[in-house]
C-alpha atoms as a PDB file:
ATOM      1  CA  MET A   1      13.819 130.576 126.580  1.00  0.00           C
ATOM      2  CA  LYS A   2      17.438 129.558 126.081  1.00  0.00           C
ATOM      3  CA  LYS A   3      16.610 127.950 122.725  1.00  0.00           C
ATOM      4  CA  PHE A   4      14.771 131.102 121.701  1.00  0.00           C
ATOM      5  CA  ILE A   5      17.781 133.282 122.560  1.00  0.00           C
ATOM      6  CA  VAL A   6      20.083 130.927 120.642  1.00  0.00           C
ATOM      7  CA  ALA A   7      17.777 131.049 117.608  1.00  0.00           C
ATOM      8  CA  ILE A   8      17.675 134.850 117.692  1.00  0.00           C
ATOM      9  CA  GLY A   9      21.485 134.913 117.978  1.00  0.00           C
ATOM     10  CA  ILE A  10      21.852 132.634 114.952  1.00  0.00           C
ATOM     11  CA  LEU A  11      19.467 134.803 112.939  1.00  0.00           C
ATOM     12  CA  LEU A  12      21.357 137.973 113.898  1.00  0.00           C
ATOM     13  CA  LEU A  13      24.687 136.362 113.060  1.00  0.00           C
ATOM     14  CA  GLY A  14      23.336 135.140 109.724  1.00  0.00           C
ATOM     15  CA  GLY A  15      22.003 138.602 108.942  1.00  0.00           C
ATOM     16  CA  LEU A  16      25.345 140.178 109.808  1.00  0.00           C
ATOM     17  CA  ILE A  17      27.250 137.717 107.597  1.00  0.00           C
ATOM     18  CA  TRP A  18      24.840 138.436 104.720  1.00  0.00           C
ATOM     19  CA  TYR A  19      25.135 142.206 105.193  1.00  0.00           C
ATOM     20  CA  LEU A  20      28.943 142.301 105.381  1.00  0.00           C
ATOM     21  CA  PHE A  21      29.957 139.554 102.967  1.00  0.00           C
ATOM     22  CA  LEU A  22      27.072 138.513 100.711  1.00  0.00           C
ATOM     23  CA  LYS A  23      25.069 141.668 100.038  1.00  0.00           C
ATOM     24  CA  SER A  24      25.896 142.735  96.473  1.00  0.00           C
ATOM     25  CA  TYR A  25      25.655 146.499  97.016  1.00  0.00           C
ATOM     26  CA  ASP A  26      26.588 149.115  99.611  1.00  0.00           C
ATOM     27  CA  TYR A  27      23.890 151.714  99.039  1.00  0.00           C
ATOM     28  CA  LYS A  28      20.575 151.845  97.201  1.00  0.00           C
ATOM     29  CA  VAL A  29      18.923 154.902  95.661  1.00  0.00           C
ATOM     30  CA  THR A  30      15.344 154.885  94.336  1.00  0.00           C
ATOM     31  CA  PHE A  31      13.547 157.603  92.397  1.00  0.00           C
ATOM     32  CA  LYS A  32      10.921 158.036  89.672  1.00  0.00           C
ATOM     33  CA  ALA A  33      10.943 159.641  86.230  1.00  0.00           C
ATOM     34  CA  LYS A  34       8.137 160.795  83.931  1.00  0.00           C
ATOM     35  CA  ALA A  35       9.420 158.778  80.986  1.00  0.00           C
ATOM     36  CA  ASN A  36       9.139 155.264  79.621  1.00  0.00           C
ATOM     37  CA  VAL A  37      11.774 152.634  80.417  1.00  0.00           C
ATOM     38  CA  GLY A  38      13.367 152.861  76.969  1.00  0.00           C
ATOM     39  CA  ALA A  39      13.811 156.628  77.227  1.00  0.00           C
ATOM     40  CA  VAL A  40      15.468 156.251  80.641  1.00  0.00           C
ATOM     41  CA  ASN A  41      17.715 153.469  79.325  1.00  0.00           C
ATOM     42  CA  GLN A  42      18.917 155.617  76.418  1.00  0.00           C
ATOM     43  CA  THR A  43      19.404 158.678  78.623  1.00  0.00           C
ATOM     44  CA  ILE A  44      21.628 156.685  81.003  1.00  0.00           C
ATOM     45  CA  LYS A  45      23.804 155.668  78.050  1.00  0.00           C
ATOM     46  CA  THR A  46      23.942 159.210  76.647  1.00  0.00           C
ATOM     47  CA  TRP A  47      24.766 160.652  80.075  1.00  0.00           C
ATOM     48  CA  ASN A  48      27.480 158.030  80.542  1.00  0.00           C
ATOM     49  CA  ILE A  49      29.264 159.321  77.418  1.00  0.00           C
ATOM     50  CA  THR A  50      29.592 162.760  79.058  1.00  0.00           C
ATOM     51  CA  LEU A  51      31.384 161.349  82.116  1.00  0.00           C
ATOM     52  CA  ASP A  52      35.179 161.472  82.324  1.00  0.00           C
ATOM     53  CA  ASP A  53      35.521 157.815  83.281  1.00  0.00           C
ATOM     54  CA  GLY A  54      32.154 156.129  82.880  1.00  0.00           C
ATOM     55  CA  LYS A  55      31.533 152.830  81.129  1.00  0.00           C
ATOM     56  CA  ILE A  56      28.450 150.716  80.470  1.00  0.00           C
ATOM     57  CA  GLU A  57      29.812 147.254  81.207  1.00  0.00           C
ATOM     58  CA  SER A  58      26.749 145.239  80.241  1.00  0.00           C
ATOM     59  CA  THR A  59      23.021 145.408  79.660  1.00  0.00           C
ATOM     60  CA  GLU A  60      20.333 142.888  80.529  1.00  0.00           C
ATOM     61  CA  GLY A  61      17.535 143.922  78.219  1.00  0.00           C
ATOM     62  CA  ILE A  62      16.370 147.526  78.322  1.00  0.00           C
ATOM     63  CA  ASP A  63      15.428 147.403  82.000  1.00  0.00           C
ATOM     64  CA  ALA A  64      18.831 146.571  83.558  1.00  0.00           C
ATOM     65  CA  LEU A  65      22.324 148.001  83.059  1.00  0.00           C
ATOM     66  CA  ASN A  66      25.688 147.658  84.788  1.00  0.00           C
ATOM     67  CA  GLN A  67      27.898 150.738  84.856  1.00  0.00           C
ATOM     68  CA  THR A  68      31.298 151.616  86.328  1.00  0.00           C
ATOM     69  CA  LEU A  69      32.321 155.163  87.202  1.00  0.00           C
ATOM     70  CA  GLY A  70      35.943 156.044  87.908  1.00  0.00           C
ATOM     71  CA  PHE A  71      36.846 158.678  90.476  1.00  0.00           C
ATOM     72  CA  ALA A  72      40.285 159.812  91.646  1.00  0.00           C
ATOM     73  CA  ASP A  73      40.301 157.535  94.698  1.00  0.00           C
ATOM     74  CA  SER A  74      37.803 154.793  93.863  1.00  0.00           C
ATOM     75  CA  THR A  75      35.719 152.955  91.284  1.00  0.00           C
ATOM     76  CA  HIS A  76      31.973 152.802  91.770  1.00  0.00           C
ATOM     77  CA  ILE A  77      29.752 150.098  90.324  1.00  0.00           C
ATOM     78  CA  TYR A  78      26.112 150.945  89.594  1.00  0.00           C
ATOM     79  CA  HIS A  79      23.516 148.300  88.831  1.00  0.00           C
ATOM     80  CA  TRP A  80      20.471 150.024  87.335  1.00  0.00           C
ATOM     81  CA  LYS A  81      17.014 148.417  87.508  1.00  0.00           C
ATOM     82  CA  LEU A  82      14.133 150.065  85.646  1.00  0.00           C
ATOM     83  CA  SER A  83      10.510 149.092  86.092  1.00  0.00           C
ATOM     84  CA  VAL A  84       7.238 150.348  84.625  1.00  0.00           C
ATOM     85  CA  LEU A  85       4.819 152.055  86.989  1.00  0.00           C
ATOM     86  CA  ASN A  86       2.476 153.250  84.234  1.00  0.00           C
ATOM     87  CA  ASP A  87       2.607 154.395  80.593  1.00  0.00           C
ATOM     88  CA  SER A  88       4.735 157.442  81.357  1.00  0.00           C
ATOM     89  CA  LEU A  89       6.306 156.743  84.742  1.00  0.00           C
ATOM     90  CA  THR A  90       9.373 154.624  85.469  1.00  0.00           C
ATOM     91  CA  LYS A  91      10.776 153.508  88.794  1.00  0.00           C
ATOM     92  CA  ILE A  92      14.583 153.718  88.844  1.00  0.00           C
ATOM     93  CA  GLN A  93      16.607 151.750  91.368  1.00  0.00           C
ATOM     94  CA  VAL A  94      20.384 152.081  91.533  1.00  0.00           C
ATOM     95  CA  TYR A  95      22.369 149.547  93.564  1.00  0.00           C
ATOM     96  CA  ALA A  96      25.729 151.239  94.188  1.00  0.00           C
ATOM     97  CA  LYS A  97      28.979 149.631  95.336  1.00  0.00           C
ATOM     98  CA  ASP A  98      32.523 150.874  95.889  1.00  0.00           C
ATOM     99  CA  LYS A  99      34.690 148.272  94.180  1.00  0.00           C
ATOM    100  CA  ASP A 100      37.669 148.564  96.570  1.00  0.00           C
ATOM    101  CA  HIS A 101      36.093 149.867  99.782  1.00  0.00           C
ATOM    102  CA  SER A 102      32.817 147.961 100.012  1.00  0.00           C
ATOM    103  CA  PHE A 103      33.489 146.302 103.372  1.00  0.00           C
ATOM    104  CA  MET A 104      34.414 149.567 105.114  1.00  0.00           C
ATOM    105  CA  ASN A 105      31.374 151.281 103.611  1.00  0.00           C
ATOM    106  CA  LYS A 106      29.093 148.611 105.018  1.00  0.00           C
ATOM    107  CA  LEU A 107      30.638 149.093 108.458  1.00  0.00           C
ATOM    108  CA  LYS A 108      30.227 152.882 108.366  1.00  0.00           C
ATOM    109  CA  ILE A 109      26.909 153.409 106.566  1.00  0.00           C
ATOM    110  CA  PRO A 110      24.639 152.415 109.518  1.00  0.00           C
ATOM    111  CA  PHE A 111      26.341 154.995 111.736  1.00  0.00           C
ATOM    112  CA  LYS A 112      27.206 157.988 109.525  1.00  0.00           C
ATOM    113  CA  ASP A 113      26.546 159.664 106.183  1.00  0.00           C
ATOM    114  CA  THR A 114      29.665 158.492 104.358  1.00  0.00           C
ATOM    115  CA  ASP A 115      31.558 160.202 101.534  1.00  0.00           C
ATOM    116  CA  PHE A 116      30.501 157.269  99.333  1.00  0.00           C
ATOM    117  CA  GLU A 117      26.813 157.971  99.964  1.00  0.00           C
ATOM    118  CA  LYS A 118      27.285 161.707  99.374  1.00  0.00           C
ATOM    119  CA  ARG A 119      29.136 161.122  96.100  1.00  0.00           C
ATOM    120  CA  THR A 120      26.530 158.615  94.940  1.00  0.00           C
ATOM    121  CA  ARG A 121      23.679 161.026  95.652  1.00  0.00           C
ATOM    122  CA  LYS A 122      25.512 163.887  93.920  1.00  0.00           C
ATOM    123  CA  THR A 123      26.202 161.746  90.846  1.00  0.00           C
ATOM    124  CA  LEU A 124      22.627 160.522  90.591  1.00  0.00           C
ATOM    125  CA  LEU A 125      21.252 164.018  91.124  1.00  0.00           C
ATOM    126  CA  ASP A 126      23.331 165.063  88.118  1.00  0.00           C
ATOM    127  CA  PHE A 127      21.807 162.228  86.104  1.00  0.00           C
ATOM    128  CA  HIS A 128      18.297 163.108  87.283  1.00  0.00           C
ATOM    129  CA  SER A 129      18.846 166.707  86.194  1.00  0.00           C
ATOM    130  CA  LYS A 130      19.982 165.584  82.730  1.00  0.00           C
ATOM    131  CA  LEU A 131      17.022 163.213  82.437  1.00  0.00           C
ATOM    132  CA  LYS A 132      14.551 165.914  83.451  1.00  0.00           C
ATOM    133  CA  GLU A 133      16.117 168.312  80.937  1.00  0.00           C
ATOM    134  CA  HIS A 134      15.834 165.717  78.167  1.00  0.00           C
ATOM    135  CA  ILE A 135      12.200 164.915  78.987  1.00  0.00           C
ATOM    136  CA  GLY A 136      11.406 168.624  78.719  1.00  0.00           C
ATOM    137  CA  LYS A 137      12.778 168.723  75.167  1.00  0.00           C
ATOM    138  CA  ILE A 138      10.607 165.986  73.657  1.00  0.00           C
ATOM    139  CA  ARG A 139       6.910 165.245  73.336  1.00  0.00           C
ATOM    140  CA  ILE A 140       5.279 161.950  72.358  1.00  0.00           C
ATOM    141  CA  THR A 141       1.583 161.778  71.499  1.00  0.00           C
ATOM    142  CA  MET A 142      -0.079 158.429  70.904  1.00  0.00           C
ATOM    143  CA  ALA A 143      -2.279 158.508  67.791  1.00  0.00           C
ATOM    144  CA  GLY A 144      -3.935 155.075  67.798  1.00  0.00           C
ATOM    145  CA  LYS A 145      -4.014 152.895  64.683  1.00  0.00           C
ATOM    146  CA  ASP A 146      -3.227 154.139  61.203  1.00  0.00           C
ATOM    147  CA  VAL A 147      -1.836 152.889  57.905  1.00  0.00           C
ATOM    148  CA  PHE A 148       1.579 153.701  56.470  1.00  0.00           C
ATOM    149  CA  GLY A 149       1.869 153.709  52.671  1.00  0.00           C
ATOM    150  CA  PRO A 150       1.626 152.478  50.047  1.00  0.00           C
ATOM    151  CA  THR A 151       4.556 154.259  48.397  1.00  0.00           C
ATOM    152  CA  TYR A 152       7.327 153.822  45.876  1.00  0.00           C
ATOM    153  CA  CYS A 153      10.723 155.098  46.967  1.00  0.00           C
ATOM    154  CA  ALA A 154      14.420 155.483  46.344  1.00  0.00           C
ATOM    155  CA  TYR A 155      16.494 154.411  49.330  1.00  0.00           C
ATOM    156  CA  VAL A 156      19.945 153.969  50.828  1.00  0.00           C
ATOM    157  CA  GLU A 157      20.818 151.195  53.292  1.00  0.00           C
ATOM    158  CA  VAL A 158      22.378 152.429  56.547  1.00  0.00           C
ATOM    159  CA  SER A 159      23.983 150.495  59.431  1.00  0.00           C
ATOM    160  CA  THR A 160      24.608 152.473  62.614  1.00  0.00           C
ATOM    161  CA  THR A 161      23.572 152.838  66.256  1.00  0.00           C
ATOM    162  CA  GLN A 162      20.398 154.351  67.668  1.00  0.00           C
ATOM    163  CA  PHE A 163      22.372 157.438  68.681  1.00  0.00           C
ATOM    164  CA  GLY A 164      23.908 157.637  65.188  1.00  0.00           C
ATOM    165  CA  LYS A 165      20.573 157.311  63.365  1.00  0.00           C
ATOM    166  CA  ALA A 166      20.150 161.023  62.643  1.00  0.00           C
ATOM    167  CA  GLN A 167      23.753 161.419  61.495  1.00  0.00           C
ATOM    168  CA  GLY A 168      23.265 158.564  59.051  1.00  0.00           C
ATOM    169  CA  MET A 169      20.289 160.413  57.613  1.00  0.00           C
ATOM    170  CA  MET A 170      22.201 163.683  57.330  1.00  0.00           C
ATOM    171  CA  ASN A 171      25.114 161.946  55.599  1.00  0.00           C
ATOM    172  CA  ASN A 172      22.827 160.474  52.931  1.00  0.00           C
ATOM    173  CA  PHE A 173      20.295 163.271  52.498  1.00  0.00           C
ATOM    174  CA  PRO A 174      22.267 165.036  49.693  1.00  0.00           C
ATOM    175  CA  LEU A 175      22.295 161.794  47.703  1.00  0.00           C
ATOM    176  CA  LEU A 176      18.577 161.219  48.130  1.00  0.00           C
ATOM    177  CA  SER A 177      17.544 164.808  47.423  1.00  0.00           C
ATOM    178  CA  ASN A 178      20.144 166.441  45.159  1.00  0.00           C
ATOM    179  CA  PHE A 179      20.900 163.369  43.044  1.00  0.00           C
ATOM    180  CA  LEU A 180      17.243 162.614  42.458  1.00  0.00           C
ATOM    181  CA  VAL A 181      16.311 166.222  41.676  1.00  0.00           C
ATOM    182  CA  ASN A 182      19.322 166.727  39.411  1.00  0.00           C
ATOM    183  CA  ASN A 183      18.273 163.626  37.485  1.00  0.00           C
ATOM    184  CA  LYS A 184      14.718 164.930  37.143  1.00  0.00           C
ATOM    185  CA  VAL A 185      13.161 162.282  39.363  1.00  0.00           C
ATOM    186  CA  LYS A 186       9.782 163.455  40.679  1.00  0.00           C
ATOM    187  CA  LEU A 187       9.659 163.439  44.474  1.00  0.00           C
ATOM    188  CA  ASN A 188       6.368 162.316  45.980  1.00  0.00           C
ATOM    189  CA  GLY A 189       6.312 162.872  49.728  1.00  0.00           C
ATOM    190  CA  LEU A 190       8.375 163.278  52.863  1.00  0.00           C
ATOM    191  CA  PRO A 191      11.610 161.383  53.584  1.00  0.00           C
ATOM    192  CA  PHE A 192      11.340 158.451  55.990  1.00  0.00           C
ATOM    193  CA  ILE A 193      13.317 155.602  57.461  1.00  0.00           C
ATOM    194  CA  GLU A 194      12.248 151.974  57.464  1.00  0.00           C
ATOM    195  CA  VAL A 195      14.026 150.063  60.236  1.00  0.00           C
ATOM    196  CA  THR A 196      15.007 146.568  59.060  1.00  0.00           C
ATOM    197  CA  SER A 197      16.956 145.393  62.142  1.00  0.00           C
ATOM    198  CA  TRP A 198      17.026 146.625  65.748  1.00  0.00           C
ATOM    199  CA  ASP A 199      19.070 145.041  68.528  1.00  0.00           C
ATOM    200  CA  LYS A 200      17.761 146.591  71.743  1.00  0.00           C
ATOM    201  CA  VAL A 201      20.660 145.248  73.838  1.00  0.00           C
ATOM    202  CA  THR A 202      23.540 146.566  71.719  1.00  0.00           C
ATOM    203  CA  ASP A 203      21.537 149.516  70.271  1.00  0.00           C
ATOM    204  CA  SER A 204      22.677 148.500  66.788  1.00  0.00           C
ATOM    205  CA  LEU A 205      20.431 149.495  63.934  1.00  0.00           C
ATOM    206  CA  LYS A 206      19.925 148.900  60.223  1.00  0.00           C
ATOM    207  CA  TYR A 207      17.481 150.980  58.238  1.00  0.00           C
ATOM    208  CA  ASN A 208      16.556 152.103  54.764  1.00  0.00           C
ATOM    209  CA  PHE A 209      16.613 155.867  54.384  1.00  0.00           C
ATOM    210  CA  CYS A 210      13.912 156.482  51.812  1.00  0.00           C
ATOM    211  CA  TYR A 211      12.496 159.252  49.638  1.00  0.00           C
ATOM    212  CA  PRO A 212       9.078 158.695  48.022  1.00  0.00           C
ATOM    213  CA  ILE A 213       9.199 159.176  44.255  1.00  0.00           C
ATOM    214  CA  ILE A 214       7.019 158.692  41.190  1.00  0.00           C
ATOM    215  CA  ALA A 215       7.909 155.336  39.636  1.00  0.00           C
ATOM    216  CA  SER A 216       9.433 155.525  36.172  1.00  0.00           C
ATOM    217  CA  ASP A 217      11.020 153.258  33.544  1.00  0.00           C
ATOM    218  CA  SER A 218      14.114 155.474  33.382  1.00  0.00           C
ATOM    219  CA  LEU A 219      15.278 155.984  36.959  1.00  0.00           C
ATOM    220  CA  PRO A 220      18.944 156.988  37.339  1.00  0.00           C
ATOM    221  CA  GLU A 221      21.505 154.444  38.553  1.00  0.00           C
ATOM    222  CA  HIS A 222      23.828 154.983  41.479  1.00  0.00           C
ATOM    223  CA  PRO A 223      25.987 152.392  43.305  1.00  0.00           C
ATOM    224  CA  LEU A 224      24.402 153.232  46.689  1.00  0.00           C
ATOM    225  CA  LEU A 225      20.858 153.902  45.547  1.00  0.00           C
ATOM    226  CA  LYS A 226      18.073 151.319  45.284  1.00  0.00           C
ATOM    227  CA  TYR A 227      14.369 151.472  44.446  1.00  0.00           C
ATOM    228  CA  LYS A 228      11.358 149.566  45.726  1.00  0.00           C
ATOM    229  CA  GLU A 229       7.644 149.635  46.415  1.00  0.00           C
ATOM    230  CA  LEU A 230       6.285 149.475  49.961  1.00  0.00           C
ATOM    231  CA  LYS A 231       2.792 148.125  50.408  1.00  0.00           C
ATOM    232  CA  ALA A 232       0.321 149.598  52.886  1.00  0.00           C
ATOM    233  CA  LYS A 233       1.135 148.617  56.467  1.00  0.00           C
ATOM    234  CA  PRO A 234      -1.455 148.822  59.288  1.00  0.00           C
ATOM    235  CA  ALA A 235       0.386 150.145  62.340  1.00  0.00           C
ATOM    236  CA  LEU A 236       0.255 151.768  65.733  1.00  0.00           C
ATOM    237  CA  LYS A 237       1.150 155.419  65.378  1.00  0.00           C
ATOM    238  CA  ALA A 238       2.679 158.159  67.520  1.00  0.00           C
ATOM    239  CA  ILE A 239       3.611 161.773  66.864  1.00  0.00           C
ATOM    240  CA  TYR A 240       7.088 162.740  68.063  1.00  0.00           C
ATOM    241  CA  ASN A 241       8.204 166.341  68.596  1.00  0.00           C
ATOM    242  CA  GLY A 242      11.851 167.019  69.340  1.00  0.00           C
ATOM    243  CA  ASN A 243      15.338 166.465  67.993  1.00  0.00           C
ATOM    244  CA  TYR A 244      15.405 163.540  65.586  1.00  0.00           C
ATOM    245  CA  ILE A 245      18.484 162.145  67.361  1.00  0.00           C
ATOM    246  CA  THR A 246      16.152 160.974  70.123  1.00  0.00           C
ATOM    247  CA  SER A 247      13.011 160.125  68.152  1.00  0.00           C
ATOM    248  CA  ASP A 248      13.593 156.486  69.116  1.00  0.00           C
ATOM    249  CA  ARG A 249      11.943 157.383  72.437  1.00  0.00           C
ATOM    250  CA  ALA A 250       8.676 157.070  70.531  1.00  0.00           C
ATOM    251  CA  TRP A 251       9.635 153.540  69.481  1.00  0.00           C
ATOM    252  CA  TYR A 252       9.650 152.431  73.096  1.00  0.00           C
ATOM    253  CA  ALA A 253       6.355 154.221  73.754  1.00  0.00           C
ATOM    254  CA  LEU A 254       4.759 152.306  70.869  1.00  0.00           C
ATOM    255  CA  LEU A 255       6.207 149.001  72.100  1.00  0.00           C
ATOM    256  CA  ASN A 256       4.696 149.727  75.517  1.00  0.00           C
ATOM    257  CA  GLN A 257       1.352 150.522  73.883  1.00  0.00           C
ATOM    258  CA  ALA A 258       1.439 147.286  71.890  1.00  0.00           C
ATOM    259  CA  GLU A 259       2.194 145.253  75.021  1.00  0.00           C
ATOM    260  CA  LYS A 260      -0.495 147.027  77.032  1.00  0.00           C
ATOM    261  CA  THR A 261      -3.148 146.455  74.371  1.00  0.00           C
ATOM    262  CA  LYS A 262      -1.891 142.936  73.531  1.00  0.00           C
ATOM    263  CA  GLN A 263      -1.279 143.710  69.862  1.00  0.00           C
ATOM    264  CA  GLU A 264       1.449 141.890  67.965  1.00  0.00           C
ATOM    265  CA  VAL A 265       3.856 144.195  66.170  1.00  0.00           C
ATOM    266  CA  THR A 266       6.927 143.692  64.005  1.00  0.00           C
ATOM    267  CA  GLY A 267       9.155 145.704  66.368  1.00  0.00           C
ATOM    268  CA  LEU A 268      10.612 147.535  63.345  1.00  0.00           C
ATOM    269  CA  PRO A 269       9.532 151.204  63.314  1.00  0.00           C
ATOM    270  CA  ILE A 270       8.999 153.569  60.395  1.00  0.00           C
ATOM    271  CA  GLU A 271       9.597 157.309  60.861  1.00  0.00           C
ATOM    272  CA  VAL A 272       8.340 160.040  58.524  1.00  0.00           C
ATOM    273  CA  PHE A 273      10.104 163.396  58.923  1.00  0.00           C
ATOM    274  CA  HIS A 274       8.300 166.697  58.443  1.00  0.00           C
ATOM    275  CA  ASN A 275      11.250 169.018  59.097  1.00  0.00           C
ATOM    276  CA  ASN A 276      14.780 169.523  57.818  1.00  0.00           C
ATOM    277  CA  PRO A 277      17.052 169.592  60.908  1.00  0.00           C
ATOM    278  CA  ASN A 278      19.601 171.677  58.991  1.00  0.00           C
ATOM    279  CA  MET A 279      17.147 174.555  59.139  1.00  0.00           C
ATOM    280  CA  GLY A 280      17.370 174.666  62.954  1.00  0.00           C
ATOM    281  CA  GLY A 281      14.604 176.315  64.962  1.00  0.00           C
ATOM    282  CA  ASP A 282      12.683 175.214  68.040  1.00  0.00           C
ATOM    283  CA  GLU A 283      13.150 171.440  68.212  1.00  0.00           C
ATOM    284  CA  LEU A 284       9.793 170.954  69.908  1.00  0.00           C
ATOM    285  CA  LEU A 285       8.264 172.155  66.636  1.00  0.00           C
ATOM    286  CA  TRP A 286      10.032 169.409  64.680  1.00  0.00           C
ATOM    287  CA  LYS A 287       7.593 166.637  63.869  1.00  0.00           C
ATOM    288  CA  ALA A 288       7.972 162.984  62.995  1.00  0.00           C
ATOM    289  CA  GLU A 289       5.192 160.478  62.426  1.00  0.00           C
ATOM    290  CA  VAL A 290       6.297 157.182  63.954  1.00  0.00           C
ATOM    291  CA  TYR A 291       4.654 153.906  62.916  1.00  0.00           C
ATOM    292  CA  LEU A 292       5.080 150.475  64.470  1.00  0.00           C
ATOM    293  CA  PRO A 293       3.611 148.014  61.933  1.00  0.00           C
ATOM    294  CA  LEU A 294       1.269 145.316  63.166  1.00  0.00           C
ATOM    295  CA  LYS A 295       2.102 141.729  62.304  1.00  0.00           C
ATOM    296  CA  GLU A 296       0.052 140.501  59.394  1.00  0.00           C
ATOM    297  CA  ASP A 297      -1.941 138.084  61.543  1.00  0.00           C
ATOM    298  CA  SER A 298      -2.548 140.681  64.289  1.00  0.00           C
ATOM    299  CA  ASP A 299      -6.135 141.765  64.867  1.00  0.00           C
ATOM    300  CA  GLU A 300      -6.990 145.120  63.445  1.00  0.00           C
END
């Protein structure tokens, strides 16, 4: 009996040491969202920009982020973990820590609802509200397999971020439309982007902003404008409705679909735009066809 009591005491002491000195967080919050992991990841980053003193310190793939939030009397550290529950449901776990008052929080939390816990819940409720609002403004419909192209196009190369994708298009649209029309080039379809590089950790992006045209021997020259032919590309397809700033949410949905169905894809989306954002209107009526090309040796 004495040995048993000693063993229990050692276990309790070990647990206490772990809780006070080794546990990496003070408070954990778990909730769910009707969105894919990529959409949640991007919404966290967009929400962070709106905060007075928020900073994304690091990312570990699209399913883990480290964030600091500055308040008047403390700095909070959030470690976000995102996990897939199904195609359209994500589990969100936030491991929160007060950088300068962690030890006192751990002493108080078992016995009272601390100011740290209240502030953490309030902050995450604000995020949840923003996420819910965003989800209500977009719609993604999976459309199975399809083929993009073939087409001949004029294009401009753009380097930007995922968030800056739409602005890059707006900046170059006058060149692609006005210059081509003024030089009597025959347009032959809807404008689209062809992503050529996508870093999912840094959100950096390179793409060709393209306008389909009728090929000719006398196409006008411009220092920023290039021409090329795109061959037909078998692809997974989705229809995106919403602001084109966030059409990359469909990219993640297609990546999830490819993984679920074990189809190899290039990971470099193509988006075809049916609306001119400058015309305004109900964003849920804006439409983009989003293609994720299959690798050439992938089964069709």
